[in-house]
Amino acid sequence: MTDYRCLNLGITKVYLIPCNEGYLLIDTGYPADYMKFRKKLAAVGVDVEEIKHLLLTHYHDDHVGFARKLKEEFGLPLILQKRSVPLLAKGDSGSEEGGQYITKRLKLLFSVFQLFHRSFRYPPVLTDGRDTLVDGDDDTVLRSLGIPARIIHTPGHTEDSMTLLFDDGTAFVGDAAMNFLKCTGTAYRPIYYTNEEKMYASIRRILSSGAKTIVPAHGNPYPAARLETMLNRFRGK
């Protein structure tokens, strides 16, 4: 079974994966979550300097909020999609890609949320020669770090979204699938998408690639079979 540690920052969960000489961190939370992150890190007995790499599943503010701080203060190299580079450089997840919420109830709920969360901006993240840019799928980058997993490009929520699929079937999906706000009818789907067909195709690809357990950034892990049930419901067999 894949060894990992979950740091629950509130809305977003981030993950520590053991790698050569330390840990890979999957995503960050919002910009304001940094001190909470440091406290959670200390609670699991990990020093921030033990983190050797930061993988960003996509460019939204609840996933990259303090990435720049980690990069500048601790020299943390990034692993990201090439598609993420210009998006991260703008530091704004609210103005790039058009899209919509997965249900009308969710759209109504988030209209209230946005009264309090008015800005989707974050400190812009600029890449440099220390960073690893992935173009679509990749089967070598993570293995070179001692992590038995591959990267799958899973667009739909955003165009740059990617999933980490471990050899044992554990899939860290970012926002390609969720377990969040199910009372609004999400049914394990992303709460927001930029391309509906790509969203469903990516979920199907996660399953066909051998995923057994879904580990989302929002909500608790769950069996991949629940995604299959969802696909049958919304896209037929």
Protein backbone atom coordinates (compact mmCIF):
# COMPACT_ATOMS: atom_id res chain seq x y z
CA MET A 1 0.00 0.00 0.00
CA THR A 2 1.24 3.48 -0.88
CA ASP A 3 2.85 5.28 2.05
CA TYR A 4 1.72 8.88 2.42
CA ARG A 5 0.77 11.51 4.97
CA CYS A 6 -2.22 13.78 4.63
CA LEU A 7 -2.17 17.37 5.89
CA ASN A 8 -5.72 18.69 6.14
CA LEU A 9 -5.61 22.46 5.62
CA GLY A 10 -9.38 22.89 5.70
CA ILE A 11 -10.87 22.98 2.23
CA THR A 12 -7.76 21.51 0.61
CA LYS A 13 -5.79 18.44 1.62
CA VAL A 14 -2.13 18.20 0.65
CA TYR A 15 0.00 15.09 0.72
CA LEU A 16 3.53 14.07 1.62
CA ILE A 17 4.99 11.18 -0.35
CA PRO A 18 8.30 9.60 0.71
CA CYS A 19 10.99 10.01 -1.95
CA ASN A 20 14.77 9.84 -2.16
CA GLU A 21 16.22 11.67 0.86
CA GLY A 22 12.92 13.18 1.99
CA TYR A 23 9.41 13.92 0.76
CA LEU A 24 7.50 15.05 -2.27
CA LEU A 25 4.70 17.49 -1.41
CA ILE A 26 1.58 17.36 -3.57
CA ASP A 27 0.06 20.86 -3.80
CA THR A 28 -0.30 23.64 -1.23
CA GLY A 29 -3.42 25.27 0.12
CA TYR A 30 -4.57 28.88 -0.18
CA PRO A 31 -2.01 31.66 0.44
CA ALA A 32 -3.41 32.16 3.95
CA ASP A 33 -2.94 28.47 4.81
CA TYR A 34 0.85 28.65 5.17
CA MET A 35 1.08 28.82 8.97
CA LYS A 36 -1.53 26.09 9.29
CA PHE A 37 0.60 24.01 6.91
CA ARG A 38 3.70 24.51 9.09
CA LYS A 39 1.78 23.46 12.20
CA LYS A 40 0.36 20.37 10.50
CA LEU A 41 3.82 19.52 9.20
CA ALA A 42 5.27 19.72 12.71
CA ALA A 43 2.41 17.58 14.04
CA VAL A 44 3.46 14.68 11.78
CA GLY A 45 7.11 15.13 12.70
CA VAL A 46 8.36 16.46 9.38
CA ASP A 47 10.61 19.50 9.01
CA VAL A 48 9.93 21.71 6.02
CA GLU A 49 13.53 21.21 4.88
CA GLU A 50 12.83 17.49 4.50
CA ILE A 51 10.54 18.36 1.57
CA LYS A 52 12.64 18.02 -1.56
CA HIS A 53 10.06 18.56 -4.34
CA LEU A 54 6.68 20.23 -4.79
CA LEU A 55 4.30 18.83 -7.40
CA LEU A 56 1.44 21.11 -8.46
CA THR A 57 -1.56 19.24 -9.86
CA HIS A 58 -2.95 22.43 -11.44
CA TYR A 59 -2.79 26.22 -11.18
CA HIS A 60 -5.78 27.09 -8.93
CA ASP A 61 -5.25 29.24 -5.84
CA ASP A 62 -6.29 26.55 -3.36
CA HIS A 63 -3.50 24.32 -4.70
CA VAL A 64 -0.61 26.73 -5.30
CA GLY A 65 -1.31 29.51 -2.79
CA PHE A 66 2.05 29.45 -1.03
CA ALA A 67 4.09 27.63 -3.68
CA ARG A 68 6.11 30.76 -4.36
CA LYS A 69 6.96 31.09 -0.65
CA LEU A 70 8.23 27.51 -0.48
CA LYS A 71 10.20 27.97 -3.68
CA GLU A 72 11.84 31.25 -2.66
CA GLU A 73 12.50 30.54 1.02
CA PHE A 74 13.53 26.89 0.80
CA GLY A 75 14.65 26.52 -2.82
CA LEU A 76 11.99 23.90 -3.41
CA PRO A 77 11.98 22.73 -7.04
CA LEU A 78 8.64 22.28 -8.74
CA ILE A 79 7.17 19.48 -10.83
CA LEU A 80 4.39 20.81 -13.06
CA GLN A 81 2.82 20.61 -16.48
CA LYS A 82 4.25 22.88 -19.20
CA ARG A 83 0.68 24.13 -19.62
CA SER A 84 0.82 25.44 -16.04
CA VAL A 85 3.77 27.79 -16.59
CA PRO A 86 1.99 30.85 -18.09
CA LEU A 87 -1.02 30.34 -15.80
CA LEU A 88 1.06 30.26 -12.63
CA ALA A 89 3.02 33.32 -13.76
CA LYS A 90 -0.19 35.38 -13.75
CA GLY A 91 -1.06 34.38 -10.18
CA ASP A 92 -4.80 34.39 -10.80
CA SER A 93 -7.01 31.31 -11.04
CA GLY A 94 -10.14 33.36 -11.58
CA SER A 95 -9.55 34.86 -14.99
CA GLU A 96 -8.02 32.33 -17.37
CA GLU A 97 -10.30 29.49 -18.43
CA GLY A 98 -14.05 29.67 -18.90
CA GLY A 99 -16.10 26.96 -17.24
CA GLN A 100 -19.06 26.18 -15.05
CA TYR A 101 -20.14 24.45 -11.88
CA ILE A 102 -21.22 20.84 -12.09
CA THR A 103 -24.75 21.46 -10.71
CA LYS A 104 -27.10 24.41 -10.31
CA ARG A 105 -27.20 23.90 -6.54
CA LEU A 106 -23.43 24.15 -6.42
CA LYS A 107 -23.45 27.32 -8.50
CA LEU A 108 -25.86 28.88 -6.00
CA LEU A 109 -23.72 27.77 -3.05
CA PHE A 110 -20.56 29.25 -4.56
CA SER A 111 -22.26 32.53 -5.33
CA VAL A 112 -22.48 32.85 -1.53
CA PHE A 113 -18.89 31.60 -1.05
CA GLN A 114 -17.61 34.28 -3.41
CA LEU A 115 -19.07 36.99 -1.20
CA PHE A 116 -16.28 36.07 1.22
CA HIS A 117 -13.67 34.80 -1.24
CA ARG A 118 -13.61 37.73 -3.64
CA SER A 119 -10.16 37.18 -5.11
CA PHE A 120 -8.66 34.07 -6.67
CA ARG A 121 -5.23 35.63 -6.85
CA TYR A 122 -2.02 34.32 -5.29
CA PRO A 123 1.68 35.27 -5.43
CA PRO A 124 2.72 34.52 -9.03
CA VAL A 125 4.91 31.46 -9.40
CA LEU A 126 7.78 31.74 -11.87
CA THR A 127 9.65 28.67 -13.05
CA ASP A 128 13.40 28.33 -13.49
CA GLY A 129 16.04 25.77 -14.37
CA ARG A 130 15.56 23.84 -11.13
CA ASP A 131 12.00 22.91 -12.02
CA THR A 132 10.77 19.89 -13.96
CA LEU A 133 8.24 20.57 -16.70
CA VAL A 134 6.09 17.64 -17.75
CA ASP A 135 4.42 17.59 -21.14
CA GLY A 136 1.30 15.42 -20.81
CA ASP A 137 1.95 11.92 -19.46
CA ASP A 138 5.25 10.91 -17.89
CA ASP A 139 6.52 7.57 -16.59
CA THR A 140 10.04 8.55 -15.53
CA VAL A 141 10.11 11.74 -13.43
CA LEU A 142 8.60 10.28 -10.27
CA ARG A 143 10.49 7.00 -10.57
CA SER A 144 13.75 8.93 -10.76
CA LEU A 145 12.88 10.27 -7.30
CA GLY A 146 12.27 6.80 -5.89
CA ILE A 147 8.47 7.07 -6.16
CA PRO A 148 6.74 4.05 -7.78
CA ALA A 149 4.23 6.10 -9.76
CA ARG A 150 3.57 7.81 -13.07
CA ILE A 151 1.96 11.05 -14.11
CA ILE A 152 -1.21 11.09 -16.20
CA HIS A 153 -2.47 14.27 -17.82
CA THR A 154 -6.13 14.53 -16.78
CA PRO A 155 -7.64 17.74 -18.20
CA GLY A 156 -11.24 18.79 -17.79
CA HIS A 157 -11.30 20.53 -14.42
CA THR A 158 -8.49 22.65 -15.88
CA GLU A 159 -6.41 22.09 -18.98
CA ASP A 160 -3.23 21.56 -16.94
CA SER A 161 -4.62 19.07 -14.40
CA MET A 162 -2.60 15.94 -13.71
CA THR A 163 -2.90 12.78 -11.62
CA LEU A 164 -0.25 10.70 -9.85
CA LEU A 165 -1.02 7.01 -10.30
CA PHE A 166 0.97 4.61 -8.12
CA ASP A 167 1.78 1.08 -9.17
CA ASP A 168 -0.54 -0.29 -6.48
CA GLY A 169 -3.50 1.66 -7.90
CA THR A 170 -3.50 4.62 -5.50
CA ALA A 171 -4.40 7.73 -7.51
CA PHE A 172 -3.74 11.25 -6.22
CA VAL A 173 -6.10 13.08 -8.53
CA GLY A 174 -5.95 16.73 -7.43
CA ASP A 175 -9.34 18.04 -8.57
CA ALA A 176 -9.91 15.61 -11.46
CA ALA A 177 -12.34 13.87 -9.09
CA MET A 178 -13.56 14.77 -5.61
CA ASN A 179 -15.46 13.60 -2.54
CA PHE A 180 -16.84 16.99 -1.64
CA LEU A 181 -20.22 18.71 -1.23
CA LYS A 182 -22.07 15.57 -2.30
CA CYS A 183 -25.32 17.08 -1.01
CA THR A 184 -25.25 19.33 -4.08
CA GLY A 185 -25.21 16.36 -6.47
CA THR A 186 -21.51 16.28 -7.31
CA ALA A 187 -21.38 12.46 -7.15
CA TYR A 188 -17.55 12.37 -6.90
CA ARG A 189 -17.14 14.68 -9.89
CA PRO A 190 -15.15 17.94 -9.83
CA ILE A 191 -17.27 20.78 -8.52
CA TYR A 192 -16.17 22.90 -11.48
CA TYR A 193 -15.04 22.06 -15.00
CA THR A 194 -13.67 23.91 -18.01
CA ASN A 195 -14.43 21.12 -20.48
CA GLU A 196 -17.13 18.60 -19.61
CA GLU A 197 -16.18 15.93 -22.15
CA LYS A 198 -12.52 16.08 -21.18
CA MET A 199 -13.53 15.86 -17.53
CA TYR A 200 -15.42 12.60 -18.05
CA ALA A 201 -12.73 11.26 -20.40
CA SER A 202 -10.06 11.90 -17.77
CA ILE A 203 -12.04 10.11 -15.09
CA ARG A 204 -12.51 7.18 -17.43
CA ARG A 205 -8.78 7.19 -18.17
CA ILE A 206 -7.90 7.17 -14.47
CA LEU A 207 -10.02 4.05 -14.12
CA SER A 208 -8.73 2.31 -17.25
CA SER A 209 -5.16 2.99 -16.15
CA GLY A 210 -5.63 0.81 -13.09
CA ALA A 211 -6.75 3.13 -10.28
CA LYS A 212 -8.12 1.30 -7.27
CA THR A 213 -8.24 4.04 -4.63
CA ILE A 214 -8.98 7.70 -5.32
CA VAL A 215 -7.19 10.21 -3.07
CA PRO A 216 -8.69 13.66 -3.83
CA ALA A 217 -7.58 17.10 -2.73
CA HIS A 218 -11.11 17.74 -1.48
CA GLY A 219 -12.67 15.04 0.68
CA ASN A 220 -11.63 11.60 1.87
CA PRO A 221 -10.19 8.71 -0.16
CA TYR A 222 -12.67 6.25 -1.67
CA PRO A 223 -12.78 3.14 -3.88
CA ALA A 224 -12.33 3.83 -7.58
CA ALA A 225 -15.40 1.69 -8.27
CA ARG A 226 -17.55 4.64 -7.16
CA LEU A 227 -16.29 6.60 -10.16
CA GLU A 228 -17.35 3.75 -12.42
CA THR A 229 -20.84 3.91 -10.91
CA MET A 230 -20.89 7.66 -11.51
CA LEU A 231 -19.86 7.24 -15.16
CA ASN A 232 -22.61 4.70 -15.72
CA ARG A 233 -25.11 7.14 -14.24
CA PHE A 234 -24.10 10.21 -16.24
CA ARG A 235 -22.53 8.75 -19.37
CA GLY A 236 -24.05 5.29 -19.75
CA LYS A 237 -22.18 2.01 -19.90
